[in-house]
Amino acid sequence: MSKRTHGKGWSFTPAESPQSAAQETLPPEKHRIKINLEKRRKGKIVTLIGNLALSKPDLKDLAKALKTACGTGGTAQNDVVELQGDHRDRARTWLSNNGWGVK
């Protein structure tokens, strides 16, 4: 968030706390990832890939790899990767082939 400084203009203050940036990342084989399907308003379907213990950069890298593998859009937020559409089978196959523990 931005905040006003005394006579020096605007400065950028990150909203993240230092503790969240230092979150420990578990190795892929120790994860037990859960893959769910959620129906949003207007009938939109979203594949949720959760139960991830990853730092923010690692979560974004995983989301990018999954989006590329599934050929779809999506996002990574709140320790969950969201993929647009029903991609449970493709995501499960890709995660299993790359050494991730899938539940």
N, C-alpha and C. Protein backbone atom coordinates (compact mmCIF):
# COMPACT_ATOMS: atom_id res chain seq x y z
N MET A 1 0.84 -1.17 0.00
CA MET A 1 0.00 0.00 0.00
C MET A 1 0.88 1.24 0.00
N SER A 2 0.35 2.30 -0.51
CA SER A 2 1.08 3.55 -0.51
C SER A 2 0.66 4.37 0.70
N LYS A 3 1.58 5.14 1.20
CA LYS A 3 1.23 6.03 2.29
C LYS A 3 1.91 7.37 2.08
N ARG A 4 1.36 8.36 2.67
CA ARG A 4 1.87 9.72 2.51
C ARG A 4 3.04 9.95 3.46
N THR A 5 4.15 10.44 2.94
CA THR A 5 5.28 10.80 3.78
C THR A 5 5.22 12.31 4.03
N HIS A 6 5.94 12.80 4.96
CA HIS A 6 5.90 14.20 5.34
C HIS A 6 6.69 15.06 4.36
N GLY A 7 5.98 15.61 3.34
CA GLY A 7 6.59 16.53 2.41
C GLY A 7 7.50 15.89 1.38
N LYS A 8 7.61 14.59 1.32
CA LYS A 8 8.52 13.93 0.39
C LYS A 8 7.78 13.18 -0.71
N GLY A 9 6.48 13.39 -0.85
CA GLY A 9 5.72 12.70 -1.87
C GLY A 9 5.25 11.33 -1.40
N TRP A 10 4.99 10.46 -2.34
CA TRP A 10 4.49 9.12 -2.03
C TRP A 10 5.63 8.13 -1.98
N SER A 11 5.50 7.16 -1.10
CA SER A 11 6.48 6.08 -1.04
C SER A 11 5.74 4.77 -1.04
N PHE A 12 6.38 3.74 -1.52
CA PHE A 12 5.75 2.43 -1.58
C PHE A 12 6.11 1.63 -0.34
N THR A 13 5.08 1.11 0.33
CA THR A 13 5.26 0.24 1.48
C THR A 13 4.63 -1.10 1.15
N PRO A 14 5.39 -2.19 1.12
CA PRO A 14 4.80 -3.49 0.76
C PRO A 14 3.77 -3.94 1.79
N ALA A 15 2.70 -4.56 1.31
CA ALA A 15 1.64 -5.04 2.17
C ALA A 15 2.00 -6.35 2.85
N GLU A 16 2.99 -7.05 2.29
CA GLU A 16 3.39 -8.34 2.86
C GLU A 16 4.22 -8.13 4.11
N SER A 17 4.06 -9.03 5.04
CA SER A 17 4.91 -8.99 6.21
C SER A 17 6.18 -9.78 5.92
N PRO A 18 7.29 -9.51 6.59
CA PRO A 18 8.53 -10.25 6.34
C PRO A 18 8.39 -11.74 6.64
N GLN A 19 7.47 -12.12 7.52
CA GLN A 19 7.30 -13.52 7.87
C GLN A 19 6.69 -14.30 6.71
N SER A 20 5.76 -13.70 5.96
CA SER A 20 5.13 -14.42 4.86
C SER A 20 6.11 -14.67 3.72
N ALA A 21 7.08 -13.77 3.54
CA ALA A 21 8.06 -13.96 2.48
C ALA A 21 9.05 -15.07 2.82
N ALA A 22 9.21 -15.36 4.10
CA ALA A 22 10.17 -16.36 4.53
C ALA A 22 9.52 -17.73 4.75
N GLN A 23 8.33 -17.95 4.18
CA GLN A 23 7.64 -19.22 4.35
C GLN A 23 8.48 -20.34 3.76
N GLU A 24 8.58 -21.42 4.49
CA GLU A 24 9.41 -22.54 4.06
C GLU A 24 8.69 -23.35 2.99
N THR A 25 9.44 -23.76 1.97
CA THR A 25 8.90 -24.56 0.89
C THR A 25 9.27 -26.02 1.11
N LEU A 26 8.26 -26.89 1.08
CA LEU A 26 8.49 -28.32 1.20
C LEU A 26 8.88 -28.89 -0.16
N PRO A 27 9.64 -29.99 -0.18
CA PRO A 27 9.94 -30.65 -1.46
C PRO A 27 8.65 -31.20 -2.09
N PRO A 28 8.61 -31.31 -3.41
CA PRO A 28 7.38 -31.75 -4.09
C PRO A 28 6.85 -33.10 -3.62
N GLU A 29 7.73 -34.04 -3.34
CA GLU A 29 7.25 -35.38 -2.97
C GLU A 29 6.61 -35.42 -1.58
N LYS A 30 6.81 -34.40 -0.74
CA LYS A 30 6.22 -34.38 0.60
C LYS A 30 4.85 -33.72 0.63
N HIS A 31 4.42 -33.15 -0.49
CA HIS A 31 3.11 -32.51 -0.55
C HIS A 31 2.02 -33.56 -0.73
N ARG A 32 0.85 -33.27 -0.23
CA ARG A 32 -0.34 -34.06 -0.49
C ARG A 32 -1.39 -33.09 -1.03
N ILE A 33 -1.27 -32.82 -2.32
CA ILE A 33 -2.07 -31.80 -2.98
C ILE A 33 -3.50 -32.29 -3.16
N LYS A 34 -4.46 -31.38 -2.91
CA LYS A 34 -5.88 -31.68 -3.12
C LYS A 34 -6.35 -30.91 -4.35
N ILE A 35 -7.06 -31.61 -5.24
CA ILE A 35 -7.58 -30.99 -6.45
C ILE A 35 -9.10 -31.02 -6.38
N ASN A 36 -9.72 -29.84 -6.42
CA ASN A 36 -11.16 -29.71 -6.30
C ASN A 36 -11.73 -28.93 -7.48
N LEU A 37 -13.02 -29.05 -7.65
CA LEU A 37 -13.73 -28.31 -8.69
C LEU A 37 -14.73 -27.39 -7.99
N GLU A 38 -14.81 -26.16 -8.45
CA GLU A 38 -15.73 -25.20 -7.84
C GLU A 38 -16.52 -24.52 -8.95
N LYS A 39 -17.82 -24.37 -8.72
CA LYS A 39 -18.67 -23.70 -9.68
C LYS A 39 -18.93 -22.29 -9.17
N ARG A 40 -18.56 -21.33 -9.97
CA ARG A 40 -18.70 -19.92 -9.59
C ARG A 40 -19.96 -19.34 -10.20
N ARG A 41 -20.19 -18.06 -9.95
CA ARG A 41 -21.39 -17.42 -10.48
C ARG A 41 -21.37 -17.42 -12.01
N LYS A 42 -22.52 -17.37 -12.58
CA LYS A 42 -22.73 -17.44 -14.03
C LYS A 42 -22.25 -18.75 -14.62
N GLY A 43 -22.16 -19.81 -13.79
CA GLY A 43 -21.85 -21.14 -14.28
C GLY A 43 -20.40 -21.40 -14.62
N LYS A 44 -19.50 -20.51 -14.22
CA LYS A 44 -18.08 -20.70 -14.51
C LYS A 44 -17.51 -21.79 -13.60
N ILE A 45 -16.68 -22.66 -14.18
CA ILE A 45 -16.08 -23.75 -13.43
C ILE A 45 -14.59 -23.45 -13.25
N VAL A 46 -14.09 -23.68 -12.03
CA VAL A 46 -12.70 -23.41 -11.70
C VAL A 46 -12.11 -24.65 -11.03
N THR A 47 -10.91 -25.06 -11.44
CA THR A 47 -10.19 -26.14 -10.79
C THR A 47 -9.28 -25.53 -9.73
N LEU A 48 -9.43 -25.98 -8.49
CA LEU A 48 -8.63 -25.48 -7.38
C LEU A 48 -7.59 -26.52 -6.99
N ILE A 49 -6.34 -26.11 -6.91
CA ILE A 49 -5.25 -26.99 -6.51
C ILE A 49 -4.70 -26.41 -5.22
N GLY A 50 -4.99 -27.08 -4.11
CA GLY A 50 -4.65 -26.52 -2.80
C GLY A 50 -3.80 -27.45 -1.96
N ASN A 51 -3.69 -27.08 -0.68
CA ASN A 51 -2.88 -27.79 0.31
C ASN A 51 -1.41 -27.71 -0.07
N LEU A 52 -0.98 -26.52 -0.49
CA LEU A 52 0.39 -26.30 -0.94
C LEU A 52 1.16 -25.52 0.13
N ALA A 53 2.34 -25.99 0.46
CA ALA A 53 3.23 -25.29 1.40
C ALA A 53 4.40 -24.75 0.60
N LEU A 54 4.14 -23.66 -0.14
CA LEU A 54 5.14 -23.08 -1.02
C LEU A 54 5.28 -21.59 -0.73
N SER A 55 6.47 -21.06 -1.01
CA SER A 55 6.65 -19.61 -0.93
C SER A 55 5.95 -18.98 -2.13
N LYS A 56 5.74 -17.68 -2.08
CA LYS A 56 5.02 -17.00 -3.17
C LYS A 56 5.68 -17.18 -4.53
N PRO A 57 7.00 -17.01 -4.64
CA PRO A 57 7.61 -17.21 -5.97
C PRO A 57 7.46 -18.64 -6.48
N ASP A 58 7.60 -19.63 -5.58
CA ASP A 58 7.44 -21.02 -5.99
C ASP A 58 5.99 -21.31 -6.39
N LEU A 59 5.03 -20.71 -5.68
CA LEU A 59 3.61 -20.90 -6.00
C LEU A 59 3.31 -20.32 -7.38
N LYS A 60 3.87 -19.15 -7.67
CA LYS A 60 3.65 -18.54 -8.99
C LYS A 60 4.30 -19.36 -10.10
N ASP A 61 5.47 -19.93 -9.84
CA ASP A 61 6.13 -20.79 -10.83
C ASP A 61 5.31 -22.05 -11.10
N LEU A 62 4.77 -22.64 -10.04
CA LEU A 62 3.93 -23.84 -10.21
C LEU A 62 2.67 -23.49 -10.98
N ALA A 63 2.05 -22.35 -10.67
CA ALA A 63 0.84 -21.94 -11.39
C ALA A 63 1.13 -21.73 -12.87
N LYS A 64 2.26 -21.12 -13.17
CA LYS A 64 2.61 -20.89 -14.57
C LYS A 64 2.82 -22.21 -15.31
N ALA A 65 3.50 -23.15 -14.66
CA ALA A 65 3.73 -24.45 -15.29
C ALA A 65 2.41 -25.20 -15.51
N LEU A 66 1.52 -25.15 -14.53
CA LEU A 66 0.23 -25.83 -14.67
C LEU A 66 -0.63 -25.18 -15.75
N LYS A 67 -0.63 -23.86 -15.82
CA LYS A 67 -1.41 -23.17 -16.84
C LYS A 67 -0.90 -23.53 -18.23
N THR A 68 0.41 -23.63 -18.38
CA THR A 68 0.99 -24.01 -19.67
C THR A 68 0.64 -25.45 -20.02
N ALA A 69 0.75 -26.35 -19.03
CA ALA A 69 0.46 -27.77 -19.27
C ALA A 69 -1.00 -28.00 -19.61
N CYS A 70 -1.90 -27.24 -19.01
CA CYS A 70 -3.33 -27.42 -19.25
C CYS A 70 -3.84 -26.55 -20.39
N GLY A 71 -3.04 -25.58 -20.82
CA GLY A 71 -3.46 -24.71 -21.91
C GLY A 71 -4.62 -23.82 -21.54
N THR A 72 -4.56 -23.23 -20.36
CA THR A 72 -5.65 -22.41 -19.86
C THR A 72 -5.13 -21.25 -19.05
N GLY A 73 -6.00 -20.36 -18.65
CA GLY A 73 -5.64 -19.25 -17.78
C GLY A 73 -5.84 -19.63 -16.34
N GLY A 74 -5.39 -18.78 -15.46
CA GLY A 74 -5.55 -19.04 -14.05
C GLY A 74 -4.77 -18.05 -13.22
N THR A 75 -4.71 -18.33 -11.92
CA THR A 75 -4.02 -17.44 -10.99
C THR A 75 -3.52 -18.23 -9.80
N ALA A 76 -2.64 -17.60 -9.03
CA ALA A 76 -2.14 -18.18 -7.79
C ALA A 76 -2.34 -17.16 -6.69
N GLN A 77 -3.20 -17.49 -5.72
CA GLN A 77 -3.44 -16.59 -4.62
C GLN A 77 -3.89 -17.37 -3.40
N ASN A 78 -3.51 -16.88 -2.23
CA ASN A 78 -3.89 -17.50 -0.95
C ASN A 78 -3.49 -18.97 -0.87
N ASP A 79 -2.29 -19.31 -1.33
CA ASP A 79 -1.76 -20.68 -1.30
C ASP A 79 -2.61 -21.67 -2.08
N VAL A 80 -3.32 -21.18 -3.09
CA VAL A 80 -4.15 -22.02 -3.95
C VAL A 80 -3.90 -21.61 -5.39
N VAL A 81 -3.78 -22.60 -6.28
CA VAL A 81 -3.69 -22.33 -7.72
C VAL A 81 -5.07 -22.56 -8.31
N GLU A 82 -5.57 -21.56 -9.04
CA GLU A 82 -6.87 -21.65 -9.68
C GLU A 82 -6.67 -21.73 -11.19
N LEU A 83 -7.29 -22.73 -11.81
CA LEU A 83 -7.24 -22.89 -13.26
C LEU A 83 -8.65 -22.71 -13.80
N GLN A 84 -8.79 -21.98 -14.89
CA GLN A 84 -10.10 -21.76 -15.48
C GLN A 84 -10.55 -23.01 -16.22
N GLY A 85 -11.69 -23.55 -15.82
CA GLY A 85 -12.24 -24.73 -16.47
C GLY A 85 -11.98 -25.99 -15.65
N ASP A 86 -12.47 -27.12 -16.18
CA ASP A 86 -12.31 -28.41 -15.50
C ASP A 86 -11.05 -29.10 -16.03
N HIS A 87 -9.96 -29.00 -15.27
CA HIS A 87 -8.68 -29.57 -15.67
C HIS A 87 -8.14 -30.51 -14.59
N ARG A 88 -9.02 -31.18 -13.89
CA ARG A 88 -8.59 -32.06 -12.80
C ARG A 88 -7.69 -33.18 -13.30
N ASP A 89 -8.09 -33.84 -14.39
CA ASP A 89 -7.31 -34.97 -14.90
C ASP A 89 -5.94 -34.54 -15.43
N ARG A 90 -5.91 -33.47 -16.21
CA ARG A 90 -4.64 -32.98 -16.76
C ARG A 90 -3.70 -32.53 -15.64
N ALA A 91 -4.25 -31.80 -14.66
CA ALA A 91 -3.42 -31.30 -13.56
C ALA A 91 -2.89 -32.46 -12.72
N ARG A 92 -3.75 -33.45 -12.43
CA ARG A 92 -3.33 -34.61 -11.64
C ARG A 92 -2.22 -35.38 -12.37
N THR A 93 -2.38 -35.59 -13.66
CA THR A 93 -1.38 -36.30 -14.45
C THR A 93 -0.05 -35.54 -14.47
N TRP A 94 -0.12 -34.22 -14.72
CA TRP A 94 1.09 -33.43 -14.78
C TRP A 94 1.81 -33.41 -13.43
N LEU A 95 1.06 -33.23 -12.35
CA LEU A 95 1.67 -33.21 -11.02
C LEU A 95 2.31 -34.55 -10.68
N SER A 96 1.63 -35.63 -10.98
CA SER A 96 2.17 -36.96 -10.70
C SER A 96 3.44 -37.24 -11.50
N ASN A 97 3.44 -36.86 -12.78
CA ASN A 97 4.60 -37.08 -13.64
C ASN A 97 5.81 -36.25 -13.22
N ASN A 98 5.57 -35.15 -12.54
CA ASN A 98 6.66 -34.26 -12.12
C ASN A 98 7.03 -34.42 -10.65
N GLY A 99 6.58 -35.50 -10.03
CA GLY A 99 7.04 -35.83 -8.69
C GLY A 99 6.28 -35.22 -7.54
N TRP A 100 5.13 -34.61 -7.79
CA TRP A 100 4.33 -34.02 -6.72
C TRP A 100 3.43 -35.09 -6.12
N GLY A 101 3.22 -35.04 -4.83
CA GLY A 101 2.30 -35.97 -4.16
C GLY A 101 0.88 -35.49 -4.28
N VAL A 102 0.04 -36.25 -4.97
CA VAL A 102 -1.35 -35.87 -5.21
C VAL A 102 -2.27 -36.79 -4.42
N LYS A 103 -3.25 -36.20 -3.78
CA LYS A 103 -4.22 -36.96 -2.99
C LYS A 103 -5.45 -37.26 -3.80
